[in-house]
Protein backbone atom coordinates (compact mmCIF):
# COMPACT_ATOMS: atom_id res chain seq x y z
CA MET A 1 54.39 133.36 103.95
CA ASP A 2 57.36 131.64 102.37
CA TRP A 3 60.22 133.06 104.42
CA PHE A 4 62.23 131.50 101.70
CA CYS A 5 61.19 133.88 99.69
CA SER A 6 62.79 136.57 101.81
CA LEU A 7 66.41 135.30 101.56
CA PRO A 8 69.07 136.81 99.07
CA ASP A 9 69.35 135.13 95.93
CA GLY A 10 73.00 134.39 96.85
CA ILE A 11 72.12 132.07 99.91
CA LEU A 12 69.08 130.80 98.03
CA THR A 13 71.19 129.40 95.22
CA CYS A 14 73.86 128.36 97.74
CA ILE A 15 71.06 126.11 99.59
CA LEU A 16 70.25 124.68 96.00
CA SER A 17 73.55 123.65 95.89
CA PHE A 18 73.24 120.89 98.50
CA LEU A 19 71.01 118.77 96.44
CA SER A 20 70.81 116.97 93.41
CA THR A 21 70.40 118.95 90.19
CA LYS A 22 67.41 116.82 89.26
CA GLU A 23 66.03 117.83 92.97
CA ALA A 24 67.26 121.28 92.81
CA VAL A 25 65.18 121.91 89.22
CA GLN A 26 62.22 120.51 90.74
CA THR A 27 62.08 123.30 93.08
CA CYS A 28 60.74 125.62 90.11
CA ILE A 29 57.38 124.89 90.96
CA LEU A 30 57.08 126.52 94.39
CA SER A 31 56.74 130.19 93.47
CA LYS A 32 58.04 132.76 90.84
CA LYS A 33 61.17 133.47 92.80
CA TRP A 34 62.13 129.92 92.66
CA ARG A 35 61.35 129.47 89.05
CA HIS A 36 64.53 130.06 87.59
CA ALA A 37 66.88 129.78 90.78
CA TRP A 38 68.22 126.77 89.68
CA ALA A 39 69.60 128.13 86.81
CA PHE A 40 72.42 129.97 88.67
CA LEU A 41 73.56 127.39 90.45
CA PRO A 42 77.36 127.07 90.80
CA VAL A 43 77.02 123.24 91.41
CA LEU A 44 75.59 120.63 88.81
CA LYS A 45 75.30 116.93 89.66
CA PHE A 46 73.62 114.50 87.55
CA ASP A 47 73.33 110.83 88.99
CA ILE A 48 71.87 108.19 87.10
CA THR A 49 70.45 106.41 89.73
CA ASP A 50 67.79 109.24 90.10
CA TRP A 51 66.05 107.88 87.74
CA LEU A 52 66.46 103.96 87.64
CA ASP A 53 63.28 102.56 87.88
CA GLU A 54 61.17 99.48 86.91
CA GLU A 55 61.17 101.11 83.48
CA ASN A 56 63.77 99.58 80.50
CA LEU A 57 67.15 100.56 80.99
CA ARG A 58 67.12 102.02 77.97
CA GLU A 59 64.39 104.81 78.60
CA CYS A 60 66.13 105.52 82.17
CA GLU A 61 69.32 106.66 80.38
CA LEU A 62 67.50 108.43 77.44
CA LYS A 63 65.61 110.50 80.16
CA PHE A 64 68.93 111.45 82.39
CA LYS A 65 70.77 112.13 78.84
CA ASN A 66 67.70 114.61 77.72
CA PHE A 67 67.61 116.06 81.44
CA LEU A 68 71.19 116.38 81.60
CA TYR A 69 71.46 118.25 77.73
CA GLY A 70 68.23 120.62 78.94
CA VAL A 71 69.86 121.80 82.18
CA LEU A 72 72.81 122.45 80.22
CA GLU A 73 71.07 124.67 77.51
CA ASN A 74 69.02 126.45 79.49
CA ARG A 75 71.38 127.35 82.52
CA GLU A 76 72.53 130.81 83.06
CA PRO A 77 75.28 131.09 80.45
CA THR A 78 77.35 134.07 82.47
CA VAL A 79 77.31 132.33 86.09
CA GLN A 80 80.82 130.45 86.04
CA LEU A 81 80.46 126.64 87.02
CA ASP A 82 82.13 125.87 90.34
CA MET A 83 81.56 121.93 90.23
CA PHE A 84 80.10 119.62 87.83
CA GLU A 85 79.42 115.61 89.02
CA TYR A 86 78.79 113.06 86.51
CA GLU A 87 77.72 109.60 87.42
CA ASN A 88 76.81 107.19 85.06
CA TYR A 89 77.08 103.74 86.86
CA ILE A 90 75.43 100.48 85.39
CA PRO A 91 77.65 97.47 85.74
CA ASP A 92 77.30 94.49 83.35
CA TYR A 93 75.28 96.92 80.94
CA ASP A 94 76.56 97.27 77.17
CA SER A 95 75.71 100.90 75.90
CA GLU A 96 77.90 103.90 74.30
CA ILE A 97 78.22 107.03 76.43
CA SER A 98 78.07 110.53 74.29
CA PHE A 99 80.27 112.57 76.16
CA GLU A 100 79.44 115.53 73.64
CA PHE A 101 77.85 117.48 76.77
CA LEU A 102 81.51 117.99 78.35
CA ASP A 103 82.06 120.72 75.39
CA SER A 104 78.93 122.63 76.89
CA VAL A 105 80.72 122.00 80.24
CA ALA A 106 84.16 123.15 79.46
CA LEU A 107 82.79 126.45 78.22
CA LEU A 108 81.32 127.08 81.85
CA GLU A 109 84.96 127.01 83.02
CA PRO A 110 84.12 124.62 85.85
CA ARG A 111 86.73 124.42 88.93
CA VAL A 112 86.03 120.93 89.51
CA VAL A 113 85.04 117.68 87.29
CA SER A 114 83.96 114.60 88.09
CA VAL A 115 82.81 112.06 86.00
CA ASP A 116 82.14 108.45 87.12
CA ILE A 117 81.32 105.50 84.87
CA GLY A 118 80.54 102.03 84.88
CA ARG A 119 79.72 99.91 81.82
CA GLY A 120 80.25 96.16 80.34
CA ARG A 121 82.65 97.32 78.38
CA VAL A 122 84.46 100.57 76.92
CA ASN A 123 87.40 100.54 74.80
CA GLN A 124 88.10 104.44 74.35
CA LEU A 125 86.85 107.06 76.24
CA ASP A 126 85.89 110.03 73.43
CA LEU A 127 86.40 112.89 76.05
CA PRO A 128 86.34 115.93 74.11
CA ASP A 129 89.56 118.22 73.93
CA SER A 130 88.09 121.18 75.51
CA ILE A 131 87.43 119.29 78.89
CA PHE A 132 91.55 119.48 78.59
CA SER A 133 91.78 123.31 78.10
CA CYS A 134 89.84 124.54 81.17
CA THR A 135 91.88 127.23 82.28
CA ARG A 136 90.37 127.55 85.56
CA LEU A 137 90.10 123.53 86.29
CA GLU A 138 91.73 122.76 89.39
CA ASN A 139 90.45 118.89 90.27
CA LEU A 140 89.57 116.32 87.32
CA ASP A 141 88.63 113.32 88.59
CA LEU A 142 88.08 110.61 86.01
CA CYS A 143 86.60 107.04 87.65
CA ILE A 144 85.93 104.20 84.77
CA PHE A 145 84.65 100.54 85.96
CA THR A 146 84.43 98.35 83.37
CA GLU A 147 85.93 94.96 81.96
CA ASN A 148 88.23 96.05 80.21
CA PHE A 149 91.12 99.06 80.53
CA PRO A 150 89.80 101.97 78.32
CA VAL A 151 92.26 104.50 76.83
CA ILE A 152 92.25 108.26 76.56
CA ARG A 153 93.66 109.86 74.21
CA PRO A 154 93.26 113.83 74.14
CA GLU A 155 94.91 115.56 71.38
CA SER A 156 96.51 118.27 73.74
CA VAL A 157 96.31 118.95 77.28
CA HIS A 158 96.53 122.70 78.47
CA LEU A 159 95.41 122.94 82.40
CA PRO A 160 97.09 125.74 83.70
CA SER A 161 95.03 126.25 86.85
CA LEU A 162 95.01 122.05 87.43
CA LYS A 163 96.29 121.22 91.36
CA ASN A 164 94.66 117.61 91.92
CA VAL A 165 94.11 114.64 89.23
CA ASP A 166 92.45 111.23 90.03
CA LEU A 167 92.47 108.68 87.42
CA THR A 168 90.55 105.16 88.13
CA GLY A 169 90.38 101.90 85.78
CA ILE A 170 91.98 103.88 82.59
CA ALA A 171 94.72 102.18 80.60
CA LEU A 172 97.80 104.57 80.88
CA THR A 173 100.54 103.75 77.99
CA ASP A 174 103.37 105.91 76.14
CA ASP A 175 101.98 105.68 72.94
CA ASP A 176 98.55 108.29 74.35
CA ARG A 177 101.07 110.42 76.48
CA PHE A 178 98.26 111.30 78.63
CA ILE A 179 100.37 110.95 81.85
CA GLN A 180 103.18 112.79 80.05
CA ASN A 181 101.05 115.92 79.21
CA LEU A 182 99.43 116.36 82.55
CA CYS A 183 103.57 116.20 84.01
CA SER A 184 104.08 118.42 81.34
CA SER A 185 104.69 122.54 81.44
CA GLU A 186 101.02 122.50 80.41
CA CYS A 187 99.74 122.03 83.65
CA PRO A 188 102.44 123.74 85.70
CA VAL A 189 100.83 123.83 89.24
CA LEU A 190 100.24 120.26 89.13
CA GLU A 191 100.50 118.94 92.77
CA THR A 192 98.64 115.73 93.64
CA MET A 193 98.19 112.79 91.33
CA VAL A 194 96.27 109.77 92.12
CA LEU A 195 96.39 106.34 89.86
CA GLU A 196 93.65 103.55 91.24
CA LEU A 197 93.05 100.44 89.61
CA CYS A 198 94.93 101.43 86.26
CA ASP A 199 96.68 99.36 84.09
CA LEU A 200 100.35 101.15 83.56
CA ASP A 201 102.54 100.57 80.85
CA ILE A 202 104.31 103.58 81.04
CA SER A 203 107.98 104.00 81.26
CA GLU A 204 108.50 107.19 83.41
CA ILE A 205 106.45 109.63 85.38
CA SER A 206 108.26 112.55 85.47
CA SER A 207 107.48 115.95 87.13
CA ARG A 208 109.07 119.61 88.25
CA VAL A 209 106.00 120.34 90.33
CA LEU A 210 104.01 117.12 91.59
CA LYS A 211 103.96 116.92 95.38
CA GLU A 212 102.15 113.83 96.29
CA LEU A 213 101.94 110.60 94.08
CA THR A 214 99.29 107.53 95.20
CA ILE A 215 99.62 104.49 92.96
CA TYR A 216 96.88 101.86 94.48
CA ASP A 217 96.09 98.58 93.10
CA CYS A 218 97.48 98.98 89.63
CA SER A 219 98.44 96.08 86.99
CA GLN A 220 101.97 97.07 85.14
CA SER A 221 103.43 95.47 82.44
CA ARG A 222 107.18 97.36 82.94
CA LEU A 223 109.13 99.10 85.29
CA THR A 224 108.57 102.59 85.48
CA ARG A 225 110.69 105.38 86.91
CA ILE A 226 109.70 108.27 89.09
CA SER A 227 111.32 111.17 88.61
CA CYS A 228 109.84 114.06 91.16
CA PRO A 229 112.05 116.64 92.84
CA CYS A 230 109.53 118.04 94.69
CA LEU A 231 107.79 115.31 95.75
CA SER A 232 106.81 115.12 99.50
CA SER A 233 104.91 111.91 99.59
CA LEU A 234 104.74 108.74 97.93
CA ILE A 235 102.31 105.87 98.15
CA ILE A 236 102.27 102.80 96.15
CA GLU A 237 100.39 100.00 97.01
CA SER A 238 99.09 97.04 95.31
CA TYR A 239 98.43 93.25 95.10
CA GLU A 240 98.80 92.58 91.75
CA LYS A 241 102.16 91.54 90.00
CA MET A 242 104.15 94.32 89.43
CA ALA A 243 107.63 95.09 87.15
CA GLY A 244 108.33 97.41 90.08
CA PHE A 245 109.78 101.15 90.31
CA GLU A 246 112.89 102.88 90.10
CA LEU A 247 112.99 106.20 92.02
CA LYS A 248 115.32 108.83 90.90
CA ASN A 249 115.28 112.87 92.05
CA THR A 250 113.11 112.11 95.07
CA THR A 251 115.13 113.79 97.72
CA SER A 252 112.26 116.09 99.09
CA LEU A 253 110.39 112.99 100.17
CA GLU A 254 109.12 112.81 103.49
CA TYR A 255 106.39 110.47 103.81
CA ALA A 256 106.38 107.00 101.74
CA LYS A 257 104.30 104.12 101.73
CA ILE A 258 105.54 100.57 99.82
CA CYS A 259 103.54 97.45 99.48
CA LEU A 260 104.42 95.79 96.39
CA ASP A 261 104.20 92.36 95.21
CA LEU A 262 106.71 91.86 92.65
CA ASP A 263 106.88 89.73 89.05
CA LYS A 264 109.87 86.89 89.63
CA LYS A 265 111.66 88.54 86.42
CA HIS A 266 111.69 92.06 88.57
CA GLY A 267 115.49 92.83 88.80
CA ASP A 268 117.21 94.75 92.08
CA LEU A 269 115.54 97.12 93.99
CA TYR A 270 116.36 100.91 93.67
CA LEU A 271 113.85 101.98 96.13
CA LEU A 272 115.50 102.60 99.52
CA SER A 273 118.50 104.60 98.50
CA SER A 274 116.20 107.29 96.89
CA LEU A 275 114.08 107.13 100.67
CA SER A 276 116.90 107.93 102.89
CA ASN A 277 115.34 111.28 103.46
CA VAL A 278 112.14 110.53 104.70
CA SER A 279 110.83 110.95 107.95
CA HIS A 280 107.77 108.38 107.96
CA LEU A 281 108.46 105.39 106.17
CA SER A 282 105.65 102.63 105.62
CA LEU A 283 106.69 98.86 104.15
CA GLY A 284 104.03 96.30 103.12
CA LEU A 285 105.87 92.81 102.91
CA TRP A 286 102.95 91.19 100.70
CA GLY A 287 105.09 89.16 98.40
CA PRO A 288 108.16 87.18 98.79
CA GLN A 289 110.14 88.34 95.89
CA PHE A 290 109.93 92.18 97.62
CA LYS A 291 111.02 90.87 100.62
CA VAL A 292 114.35 89.49 99.05
CA LYS A 293 114.89 92.52 97.29
CA LEU A 294 114.11 94.52 100.25
CA GLU A 295 116.96 92.91 102.06
CA LYS A 296 119.55 93.30 99.66
CA ASP A 297 118.33 96.75 98.59
CA ILE A 298 118.59 98.18 102.32
CA LEU A 299 122.40 96.62 102.48
CA LYS A 300 123.15 99.24 99.54
CA CYS A 301 121.44 101.99 101.77
CA ARG A 302 123.18 105.01 103.35
CA THR A 303 121.64 105.99 106.99
CA PHE A 304 118.16 106.83 107.05
CA ARG A 305 119.02 110.19 108.98
CA ASN A 306 115.63 111.78 109.23
CA LEU A 307 113.51 108.63 109.89
CA GLN A 308 111.22 108.87 113.10
CA THR A 309 108.24 106.46 112.21
CA LEU A 310 108.66 103.10 110.70
CA GLU A 311 105.86 100.64 109.97
CA ILE A 312 106.30 97.38 108.67
CA TYR A 313 103.07 95.55 106.96
CA TYR A 314 102.60 91.76 106.97
CA TRP A 315 105.59 91.22 109.20
CA ASP A 316 106.53 87.35 110.29
CA LEU A 317 108.61 86.74 113.04
CA SER A 318 110.06 83.51 111.56
CA TYR A 319 111.63 85.44 108.50
CA ASP A 320 111.62 89.26 108.96
CA ILE A 321 113.59 89.73 112.30
CA ASP A 322 116.52 90.43 109.83
CA LEU A 323 115.20 93.08 107.93
CA VAL A 324 114.08 95.28 111.30
CA ALA A 325 117.51 94.78 112.23
CA CYS A 326 118.97 96.50 109.20
CA PHE A 327 116.66 99.46 109.57
CA LEU A 328 117.40 100.01 113.22
CA GLU A 329 121.02 99.70 112.32
CA HIS A 330 120.75 101.96 109.44
CA SER A 331 117.98 104.27 111.68
CA PRO A 332 119.99 106.23 114.51
CA PHE A 333 116.96 108.73 115.37
CA LEU A 334 114.15 105.94 114.55
CA GLU A 335 111.47 107.24 117.71
CA GLU A 336 108.43 104.90 116.75
CA LEU A 337 108.60 101.21 115.30
CA THR A 338 105.27 99.68 114.32
CA LEU A 339 104.69 95.85 113.52
CA LEU A 340 101.46 94.65 111.98
CA LEU A 341 101.84 91.04 112.06
CA ARG A 342 100.59 89.12 109.28
CA GLU A 343 97.68 86.53 109.49
CA PRO A 344 99.36 82.87 110.07
CA LYS A 345 98.98 80.67 107.03
CA GLU A 346 98.67 76.84 106.80
CA GLY A 347 101.70 75.11 106.25
CA ASP A 348 104.00 78.02 108.08
CA PRO A 349 107.22 77.12 110.14
CA LYS A 350 107.03 76.84 113.57
CA GLU A 351 107.18 80.41 115.44
CA GLU A 352 108.43 79.59 118.98
CA LEU A 353 111.94 80.43 117.86
CA SER A 354 114.32 80.17 120.86
CA GLN A 355 116.46 83.09 122.22
CA ASP A 356 119.50 81.31 120.65
CA GLU A 357 117.73 81.19 117.30
CA LEU A 358 116.72 84.54 117.40
CA ARG A 359 120.01 85.68 118.45
CA ASN A 360 121.66 83.79 115.50
CA ARG A 361 119.57 85.48 112.82
CA ARG A 362 121.49 88.46 112.58
CA ASN A 363 124.17 89.54 115.21
CA VAL A 364 123.56 93.43 115.03
CA LEU A 365 123.88 95.87 117.84
CA PHE A 366 120.25 97.62 118.17
CA GLN A 367 121.10 100.03 120.65
CA ARG A 368 119.16 103.05 119.82
CA GLU A 369 118.92 106.27 122.08
CA ARG A 370 115.57 107.58 120.69
CA LEU A 371 113.49 104.40 119.73
CA LYS A 372 110.95 104.90 122.86
CA THR A 373 107.60 103.20 121.32
CA VAL A 374 107.38 99.67 119.68
CA ARG A 375 103.44 99.01 118.35
CA ILE A 376 102.36 95.79 117.66
CA VAL A 377 99.49 95.06 115.89
CA LYS A 378 98.54 91.33 115.55
CA PRO A 379 95.51 89.29 114.38
CA ILE A 380 93.11 87.33 116.27
CA GLN A 381 94.70 83.93 115.45
CA ARG A 382 98.11 84.85 116.15
CA PRO A 383 99.16 83.72 120.11
CA ASP A 384 100.37 85.81 122.38
CA MET A 385 103.23 83.97 123.32
CA VAL A 386 104.76 84.89 119.82
CA VAL A 387 103.84 88.37 120.87
CA ASP A 388 105.46 88.33 124.24
CA GLN A 389 108.76 86.36 122.52
CA LEU A 390 109.04 89.52 119.77
CA ILE A 391 108.49 91.96 123.09
CA ASN A 392 111.37 90.11 125.07
CA TYR A 393 113.58 89.77 122.39
CA LEU A 394 113.48 93.63 121.36
CA ARG A 395 113.70 94.81 125.23
CA THR A 396 116.66 92.83 125.61
CA HIS A 397 118.47 94.63 122.46
CA ILE A 398 116.86 97.86 122.38
CA LYS A 399 116.91 99.54 126.35
CA THR A 400 115.61 102.85 125.68
CA ILE A 401 111.58 101.03 124.81
CA GLU A 402 109.18 103.31 127.34
CA GLU A 403 106.00 102.07 125.81
CA GLU A 404 105.00 99.14 124.42
CA ILE A 405 101.06 99.21 122.72
CA ILE A 406 99.82 95.97 121.64
CA SER A 407 96.12 95.86 119.73
């Protein structure tokens, strides 16, 4: 006897939700009770890799498309859709992708939509406007991997329940107004935005409700102003040449991680004065321009009165001791300092600085009552004597250190 048949329908559909939609549909041959169980699934997951075999790619894509439309046409329409996942990733393969199926998905009022595309080249993503007006949609994830950066130009955006949006590999410009619409009153509860591997040509990211913003490895053609009064977490990390960012109205920030490789044409930074309320700050000294601008910026900054944890990445003993000294001078309540030393490069100057040289780098009083932990992360190639020298120097000037962690 099939003991699964004795399970309540709700538990049965819950179990099937853990399968891919192709696997779930295949269960219809097991028994009469299973015949239509897949039609009540609250989760639909379509992945073209389930269809790839030795056949022609175009035939596989056609089978995948027919299956997708078949499921959407025969699914029970009264059952709301909790999650819709679509993966059509075939790199270095040129073919047009029709997104008409998203009209059918939008009618099911999904709570989560994830679309992952991989193609050779796509100029514009013709996503139907219906997907940008789903009243129940809380999470939107659009991930595009192509040779270029396609654009998205919905005529309108109205997502009253949207809380999280994740955009990857997309061109975002002021002209298409996609970011502006997401940050407008049409998305009144948006809390988290992630922009990854995108091409940014936007003058401003301005939102009254956004709480978390992550910009990772994006290219950028102009300075972007970030104005988000409710923002509590900001991560900007990129190893592409960037025009930079200006922070305005970010007094709610508690956590910030900034790692930039700035364009040589970049003017003065306007970052640190807007980060004065953070309790946790991570800085990546990736590019020389960022270092120079940062040292000028910190001198204009008022005290970091809430800063308790400071991390500095790609740190260099020969160059960056001044920067650490500045932060210690401006951070009276700092409790933990982490220095992640960079990999040594060919042509680097000597690192065995004498105590006189170190003392002459900056005549700053390091005394702090709260700094107790210093963590140093070093690459294998770094000699131990460099770390020992750094620890001795810090101990000479910081009397409250209780714990040293070297890894």
